[in-house]
């Protein structure tokens, strides 16, 4: 089952996704993003190590950030 977060502001549920993308210089990088709909190919089951979920106070959208030490 995919990792999900419910927005405190809107009450909408968001699913966490991860994808490997290629940047303009040819370097590959893993990105994490939340979406309102689950995309089976990219959805993941758990938070990546060292990250935590925060919510944008203005929009209510969830975001990942690195945990503070």
PDB file of N, CA and C in Angstrom:
ATOM      1  N   UNK A   1       0.835  -1.179   0.000  1.00  0.00           N
ATOM      2  CA  UNK A   1       0.000   0.000   0.000  1.00  0.00           C
ATOM      3  C   UNK A   1       0.883   1.247   0.000  1.00  0.00           C
ATOM      4  N   UNK A   2       0.556   2.194  -0.807  1.00  0.00           N
ATOM      5  CA  UNK A   2       1.359   3.402  -0.975  1.00  0.00           C
ATOM      6  C   UNK A   2       1.267   4.302   0.264  1.00  0.00           C
ATOM      7  N   UNK A   3       2.341   5.028   0.532  1.00  0.00           N
ATOM      8  CA  UNK A   3       2.379   5.965   1.654  1.00  0.00           C
ATOM      9  C   UNK A   3       1.498   7.166   1.320  1.00  0.00           C
ATOM     10  N   UNK A   4       0.614   7.517   2.250  1.00  0.00           N
ATOM     11  CA  UNK A   4      -0.289   8.636   2.005  1.00  0.00           C
ATOM     12  C   UNK A   4      -0.328   9.579   3.204  1.00  0.00           C
ATOM     13  N   UNK A   5      -0.704  10.834   2.927  1.00  0.00           N
ATOM     14  CA  UNK A   5      -0.808  11.877   3.943  1.00  0.00           C
ATOM     15  C   UNK A   5      -2.116  12.611   3.706  1.00  0.00           C
ATOM     16  N   UNK A   6      -2.826  12.919   4.795  1.00  0.00           N
ATOM     17  CA  UNK A   6      -4.065  13.678   4.680  1.00  0.00           C
ATOM     18  C   UNK A   6      -3.779  15.127   5.071  1.00  0.00           C
ATOM     19  N   UNK A   7      -4.148  16.069   4.203  1.00  0.00           N
ATOM     20  CA  UNK A   7      -3.926  17.492   4.442  1.00  0.00           C
ATOM     21  C   UNK A   7      -4.801  17.969   5.595  1.00  0.00           C
ATOM     22  N   UNK A   8      -4.197  18.693   6.526  1.00  0.00           N
ATOM     23  CA  UNK A   8      -4.953  19.249   7.647  1.00  0.00           C
ATOM     24  C   UNK A   8      -5.846  20.398   7.193  1.00  0.00           C
ATOM     25  N   UNK A   9      -5.412  21.105   6.159  1.00  0.00           N
ATOM     26  CA  UNK A   9      -6.162  22.269   5.687  1.00  0.00           C
ATOM     27  C   UNK A   9      -7.350  21.884   4.806  1.00  0.00           C
ATOM     28  N   UNK A  10      -7.120  21.035   3.806  1.00  0.00           N
ATOM     29  CA  UNK A  10      -8.178  20.703   2.852  1.00  0.00           C
ATOM     30  C   UNK A  10      -8.852  19.362   3.124  1.00  0.00           C
ATOM     31  N   UNK A  11      -8.188  18.482   3.870  1.00  0.00           N
ATOM     32  CA  UNK A  11      -8.733  17.153   4.131  1.00  0.00           C
ATOM     33  C   UNK A  11      -8.505  16.168   3.001  1.00  0.00           C
ATOM     34  N   UNK A  12      -7.837  16.596   1.940  1.00  0.00           N
ATOM     35  CA  UNK A  12      -7.576  15.742   0.783  1.00  0.00           C
ATOM     36  C   UNK A  12      -6.383  14.824   1.084  1.00  0.00           C
ATOM     37  N   UNK A  13      -6.426  13.614   0.539  1.00  0.00           N
ATOM     38  CA  UNK A  13      -5.350  12.644   0.724  1.00  0.00           C
ATOM     39  C   UNK A  13      -4.386  12.702  -0.453  1.00  0.00           C
ATOM     40  N   UNK A  14      -3.087  12.709  -0.140  1.00  0.00           N
ATOM     41  CA  UNK A  14      -2.036  12.759  -1.155  1.00  0.00           C
ATOM     42  C   UNK A  14      -1.154  11.525  -1.030  1.00  0.00           C
ATOM     43  N   UNK A  15      -0.733  10.978  -2.170  1.00  0.00           N
ATOM     44  CA  UNK A  15       0.091   9.771  -2.250  1.00  0.00           C
ATOM     45  C   UNK A  15       1.527  10.159  -2.595  1.00  0.00           C
ATOM     46  N   UNK A  16       2.504   9.536  -1.914  1.00  0.00           N
ATOM     47  CA  UNK A  16       3.921   9.809  -2.161  1.00  0.00           C
ATOM     48  C   UNK A  16       4.423   8.990  -3.345  1.00  0.00           C
ATOM     49  N   UNK A  17       5.147   9.655  -4.248  1.00  0.00           N
ATOM     50  CA  UNK A  17       5.723   9.028  -5.441  1.00  0.00           C
ATOM     51  C   UNK A  17       7.221   9.329  -5.506  1.00  0.00           C
ATOM     52  N   UNK A  18       7.947   8.493  -6.222  1.00  0.00           N
ATOM     53  CA  UNK A  18       9.379   8.674  -6.434  1.00  0.00           C
ATOM     54  C   UNK A  18       9.688   8.321  -7.885  1.00  0.00           C
ATOM     55  N   UNK A  19      10.606   9.092  -8.471  1.00  0.00           N
ATOM     56  CA  UNK A  19      10.940   8.867  -9.879  1.00  0.00           C
ATOM     57  C   UNK A  19      12.383   9.271 -10.125  1.00  0.00           C
ATOM     58  N   UNK A  20      13.055   8.523 -10.976  1.00  0.00           N
ATOM     59  CA  UNK A  20      14.420   8.848 -11.404  1.00  0.00           C
ATOM     60  C   UNK A  20      14.309   9.721 -12.650  1.00  0.00           C
ATOM     61  N   UNK A  21      14.880  10.924 -12.607  1.00  0.00           N
ATOM     62  CA  UNK A  21      14.830  11.836 -13.752  1.00  0.00           C
ATOM     63  C   UNK A  21      16.243  12.166 -14.209  1.00  0.00           C
ATOM     64  N   UNK A  22      16.343  12.556 -15.470  1.00  0.00           N
ATOM     65  CA  UNK A  22      17.641  12.963 -16.015  1.00  0.00           C
ATOM     66  C   UNK A  22      17.645  14.478 -16.166  1.00  0.00           C
ATOM     67  N   UNK A  23      18.634  15.116 -15.552  1.00  0.00           N
ATOM     68  CA  UNK A  23      18.751  16.562 -15.610  1.00  0.00           C
ATOM     69  C   UNK A  23      19.399  17.008 -16.911  1.00  0.00           C
ATOM     70  N   UNK A  24      19.376  18.297 -17.176  1.00  0.00           N
ATOM     71  CA  UNK A  24      19.875  18.847 -18.445  1.00  0.00           C
ATOM     72  C   UNK A  24      21.322  18.446 -18.723  1.00  0.00           C
ATOM     73  N   UNK A  25      22.155  18.356 -17.708  1.00  0.00           N
ATOM     74  CA  UNK A  25      23.561  17.994 -17.900  1.00  0.00           C
ATOM     75  C   UNK A  25      23.785  16.506 -18.051  1.00  0.00           C
ATOM     76  N   UNK A  26      22.729  15.714 -18.027  1.00  0.00           N
ATOM     77  CA  UNK A  26      22.851  14.271 -18.176  1.00  0.00           C
ATOM     78  C   UNK A  26      22.907  13.524 -16.850  1.00  0.00           C
ATOM     79  N   UNK A  27      22.985  14.253 -15.728  1.00  0.00           N
ATOM     80  CA  UNK A  27      23.047  13.622 -14.412  1.00  0.00           C
ATOM     81  C   UNK A  27      21.667  13.110 -14.027  1.00  0.00           C
ATOM     82  N   UNK A  28      21.630  11.930 -13.399  1.00  0.00           N
ATOM     83  CA  UNK A  28      20.355  11.362 -12.957  1.00  0.00           C
ATOM     84  C   UNK A  28      20.139  11.701 -11.488  1.00  0.00           C
ATOM     85  N   UNK A  29      18.882  11.947 -11.130  1.00  0.00           N
ATOM     86  CA  UNK A  29      18.545  12.316  -9.759  1.00  0.00           C
ATOM     87  C   UNK A  29      17.182  11.734  -9.401  1.00  0.00           C
ATOM     88  N   UNK A  30      17.046  11.278  -8.159  1.00  0.00           N
ATOM     89  CA  UNK A  30      15.758  10.765  -7.671  1.00  0.00           C
ATOM     90  C   UNK A  30      14.965  11.918  -7.080  1.00  0.00           C
ATOM     91  N   UNK A  31      13.711  12.040  -7.506  1.00  0.00           N
ATOM     92  CA  UNK A  31      12.833  13.075  -6.969  1.00  0.00           C
ATOM     93  C   UNK A  31      11.666  12.414  -6.237  1.00  0.00           C
ATOM     94  N   UNK A  32      11.122  13.109  -5.246  1.00  0.00           N
ATOM     95  CA  UNK A  32       9.960  12.659  -4.486  1.00  0.00           C
ATOM     96  C   UNK A  32       8.891  13.722  -4.617  1.00  0.00           C
ATOM     97  N   UNK A  33       7.633  13.285  -4.800  1.00  0.00           N
ATOM     98  CA  UNK A  33       6.539  14.234  -4.928  1.00  0.00           C
ATOM     99  C   UNK A  33       5.233  13.601  -4.471  1.00  0.00           C
ATOM    100  N   UNK A  34       4.288  14.452  -4.087  1.00  0.00           N
ATOM    101  CA  UNK A  34       2.959  14.006  -3.682  1.00  0.00           C
ATOM    102  C   UNK A  34       1.977  14.293  -4.808  1.00  0.00           C
ATOM    103  N   UNK A  35       1.019  13.387  -4.973  1.00  0.00           N
ATOM    104  CA  UNK A  35      -0.005  13.545  -5.993  1.00  0.00           C
ATOM    105  C   UNK A  35      -1.347  13.127  -5.412  1.00  0.00           C
ATOM    106  N   UNK A  36      -2.407  13.733  -5.910  1.00  0.00           N
ATOM    107  CA  UNK A  36      -3.745  13.398  -5.450  1.00  0.00           C
ATOM    108  C   UNK A  36      -4.224  12.046  -5.949  1.00  0.00           C
ATOM    109  N   UNK A  37      -3.599  11.538  -7.004  1.00  0.00           N
ATOM    110  CA  UNK A  37      -3.959  10.239  -7.564  1.00  0.00           C
ATOM    111  C   UNK A  37      -2.743   9.325  -7.531  1.00  0.00           C
ATOM    112  N   UNK A  38      -2.975   8.045  -7.248  1.00  0.00           N
ATOM    113  CA  UNK A  38      -1.872   7.092  -7.187  1.00  0.00           C
ATOM    114  C   UNK A  38      -1.486   6.637  -8.587  1.00  0.00           C
ATOM    115  N   UNK A  39      -0.205   6.724  -8.886  1.00  0.00           N
ATOM    116  CA  UNK A  39       0.360   6.205 -10.134  1.00  0.00           C
ATOM    117  C   UNK A  39       1.153   4.967  -9.733  1.00  0.00           C
ATOM    118  N   UNK A  40       0.602   3.795 -10.005  1.00  0.00           N
ATOM    119  CA  UNK A  40       1.171   2.528  -9.526  1.00  0.00           C
ATOM    120  C   UNK A  40       2.658   2.381  -9.849  1.00  0.00           C
ATOM    121  N   UNK A  41       3.068   2.877 -10.987  1.00  0.00           N
ATOM    122  CA  UNK A  41       4.464   2.726 -11.420  1.00  0.00           C
ATOM    123  C   UNK A  41       5.429   3.494 -10.509  1.00  0.00           C
ATOM    124  N   UNK A  42       4.992   4.625  -9.944  1.00  0.00           N
ATOM    125  CA  UNK A  42       5.894   5.488  -9.188  1.00  0.00           C
ATOM    126  C   UNK A  42       5.581   5.581  -7.703  1.00  0.00           C
ATOM    127  N   UNK A  43       4.440   5.081  -7.227  1.00  0.00           N
ATOM    128  CA  UNK A  43       4.096   5.204  -5.808  1.00  0.00           C
ATOM    129  C   UNK A  43       5.040   4.352  -4.964  1.00  0.00           C
ATOM    130  N   UNK A  44       5.343   4.833  -3.750  1.00  0.00           N
ATOM    131  CA  UNK A  44       6.238   4.108  -2.844  1.00  0.00           C
ATOM    132  C   UNK A  44       5.524   3.867  -1.518  1.00  0.00           C
ATOM    133  N   UNK A  45       5.988   2.849  -0.793  1.00  0.00           N
ATOM    134  CA  UNK A  45       5.307   2.385   0.410  1.00  0.00           C
ATOM    135  C   UNK A  45       5.724   3.073   1.704  1.00  0.00           C
ATOM    136  N   UNK A  46       6.870   3.748   1.708  1.00  0.00           N
ATOM    137  CA  UNK A  46       7.359   4.337   2.948  1.00  0.00           C
ATOM    138  C   UNK A  46       8.132   5.623   2.667  1.00  0.00           C
ATOM    139  N   UNK A  47       8.277   6.422   3.708  1.00  0.00           N
ATOM    140  CA  UNK A  47       9.090   7.633   3.591  1.00  0.00           C
ATOM    141  C   UNK A  47      10.544   7.240   3.372  1.00  0.00           C
ATOM    142  N   UNK A  48      11.286   7.977   2.557  1.00  0.00           N
ATOM    143  CA  UNK A  48      12.713   7.694   2.424  1.00  0.00           C
ATOM    144  C   UNK A  48      13.429   8.030   3.732  1.00  0.00           C
ATOM    145  N   UNK A  49      14.485   7.315   4.026  1.00  0.00           N
ATOM    146  CA  UNK A  49      15.249   7.517   5.259  1.00  0.00           C
ATOM    147  C   UNK A  49      15.778   8.948   5.319  1.00  0.00           C
ATOM    148  N   UNK A  50      15.644   9.572   6.480  1.00  0.00           N
ATOM    149  CA  UNK A  50      16.174  10.912   6.684  1.00  0.00           C
ATOM    150  C   UNK A  50      15.244  12.030   6.260  1.00  0.00           C
ATOM    151  N   UNK A  51      14.016  11.720   5.859  1.00  0.00           N
ATOM    152  CA  UNK A  51      13.054  12.736   5.428  1.00  0.00           C
ATOM    153  C   UNK A  51      11.837  12.754   6.342  1.00  0.00           C
ATOM    154  N   UNK A  52      11.139  13.884   6.370  1.00  0.00           N
ATOM    155  CA  UNK A  52       9.898  14.018   7.110  1.00  0.00           C
ATOM    156  C   UNK A  52       8.900  14.810   6.267  1.00  0.00           C
ATOM    157  N   UNK A  53       7.623  14.671   6.585  1.00  0.00           N
ATOM    158  CA  UNK A  53       6.565  15.350   5.839  1.00  0.00           C
ATOM    159  C   UNK A  53       6.197  16.639   6.558  1.00  0.00           C
ATOM    160  N   UNK A  54       6.103  17.730   5.796  1.00  0.00           N
ATOM    161  CA  UNK A  54       5.611  19.004   6.316  1.00  0.00           C
ATOM    162  C   UNK A  54       4.452  19.431   5.420  1.00  0.00           C
ATOM    163  N   UNK A  55       3.716  20.418   5.872  1.00  0.00           N
ATOM    164  CA  UNK A  55       2.599  20.916   5.081  1.00  0.00           C
ATOM    165  C   UNK A  55       2.766  22.414   4.866  1.00  0.00           C
ATOM    166  N   UNK A  56       2.597  22.853   3.632  1.00  0.00           N
ATOM    167  CA  UNK A  56       2.664  24.267   3.314  1.00  0.00           C
ATOM    168  C   UNK A  56       1.489  24.959   4.009  1.00  0.00           C
ATOM    169  N   UNK A  57       1.770  25.935   4.849  1.00  0.00           N
ATOM    170  CA  UNK A  57       0.728  26.590   5.639  1.00  0.00           C
ATOM    171  C   UNK A  57      -0.284  27.327   4.771  1.00  0.00           C
ATOM    172  N   UNK A  58       0.166  27.886   3.668  1.00  0.00           N
ATOM    173  CA  UNK A  58      -0.724  28.669   2.808  1.00  0.00           C
ATOM    174  C   UNK A  58      -1.597  27.792   1.918  1.00  0.00           C
ATOM    175  N   UNK A  59      -1.002  26.768   1.293  1.00  0.00           N
ATOM    176  CA  UNK A  59      -1.735  25.956   0.322  1.00  0.00           C
ATOM    177  C   UNK A  59      -2.261  24.638   0.888  1.00  0.00           C
ATOM    178  N   UNK A  60      -1.664  24.153   1.969  1.00  0.00           N
ATOM    179  CA  UNK A  60      -2.066  22.871   2.541  1.00  0.00           C
ATOM    180  C   UNK A  60      -1.463  21.671   1.837  1.00  0.00           C
ATOM    181  N   UNK A  61      -0.558  21.905   0.872  1.00  0.00           N
ATOM    182  CA  UNK A  61       0.068  20.798   0.145  1.00  0.00           C
ATOM    183  C   UNK A  61       1.207  20.182   0.956  1.00  0.00           C
ATOM    184  N   UNK A  62       1.294  18.844   0.973  1.00  0.00           N
ATOM    185  CA  UNK A  62       2.398  18.185   1.697  1.00  0.00           C
ATOM    186  C   UNK A  62       3.711  18.304   0.918  1.00  0.00           C
ATOM    187  N   UNK A  63       4.811  18.337   1.675  1.00  0.00           N
ATOM    188  CA  UNK A  63       6.144  18.408   1.080  1.00  0.00           C
ATOM    189  C   UNK A  63       7.085  17.533   1.898  1.00  0.00           C
ATOM    190  N   UNK A  64       8.127  17.044   1.264  1.00  0.00           N
ATOM    191  CA  UNK A  64       9.178  16.313   1.975  1.00  0.00           C
ATOM    192  C   UNK A  64      10.322  17.260   2.247  1.00  0.00           C
ATOM    193  N   UNK A  65      10.937  17.089   3.418  1.00  0.00           N
ATOM    194  CA  UNK A  65      12.157  17.839   3.703  1.00  0.00           C
ATOM    195  C   UNK A  65      13.075  16.932   4.518  1.00  0.00           C
ATOM    196  N   UNK A  66      14.363  17.222   4.451  1.00  0.00           N
ATOM    197  CA  UNK A  66      15.322  16.447   5.226  1.00  0.00           C
ATOM    198  C   UNK A  66      15.132  16.776   6.694  1.00  0.00           C
ATOM    199  N   UNK A  67      15.241  15.748   7.542  1.00  0.00           N
ATOM    200  CA  UNK A  67      15.097  15.942   8.976  1.00  0.00           C
ATOM    201  C   UNK A  67      16.211  16.819   9.489  1.00  0.00           C
ATOM    202  N   UNK A  68      15.866  17.683  10.428  1.00  0.00           N
ATOM    203  CA  UNK A  68      16.879  18.525  11.052  1.00  0.00           C
ATOM    204  C   UNK A  68      17.660  17.701  12.053  1.00  0.00           C
ATOM    205  N   UNK A  69      18.954  17.949  12.116  1.00  0.00           N
ATOM    206  CA  UNK A  69      19.823  17.166  13.009  1.00  0.00           C
ATOM    207  C   UNK A  69      19.777  17.682  14.419  1.00  0.00           C
TER     208      UNK A  69
END
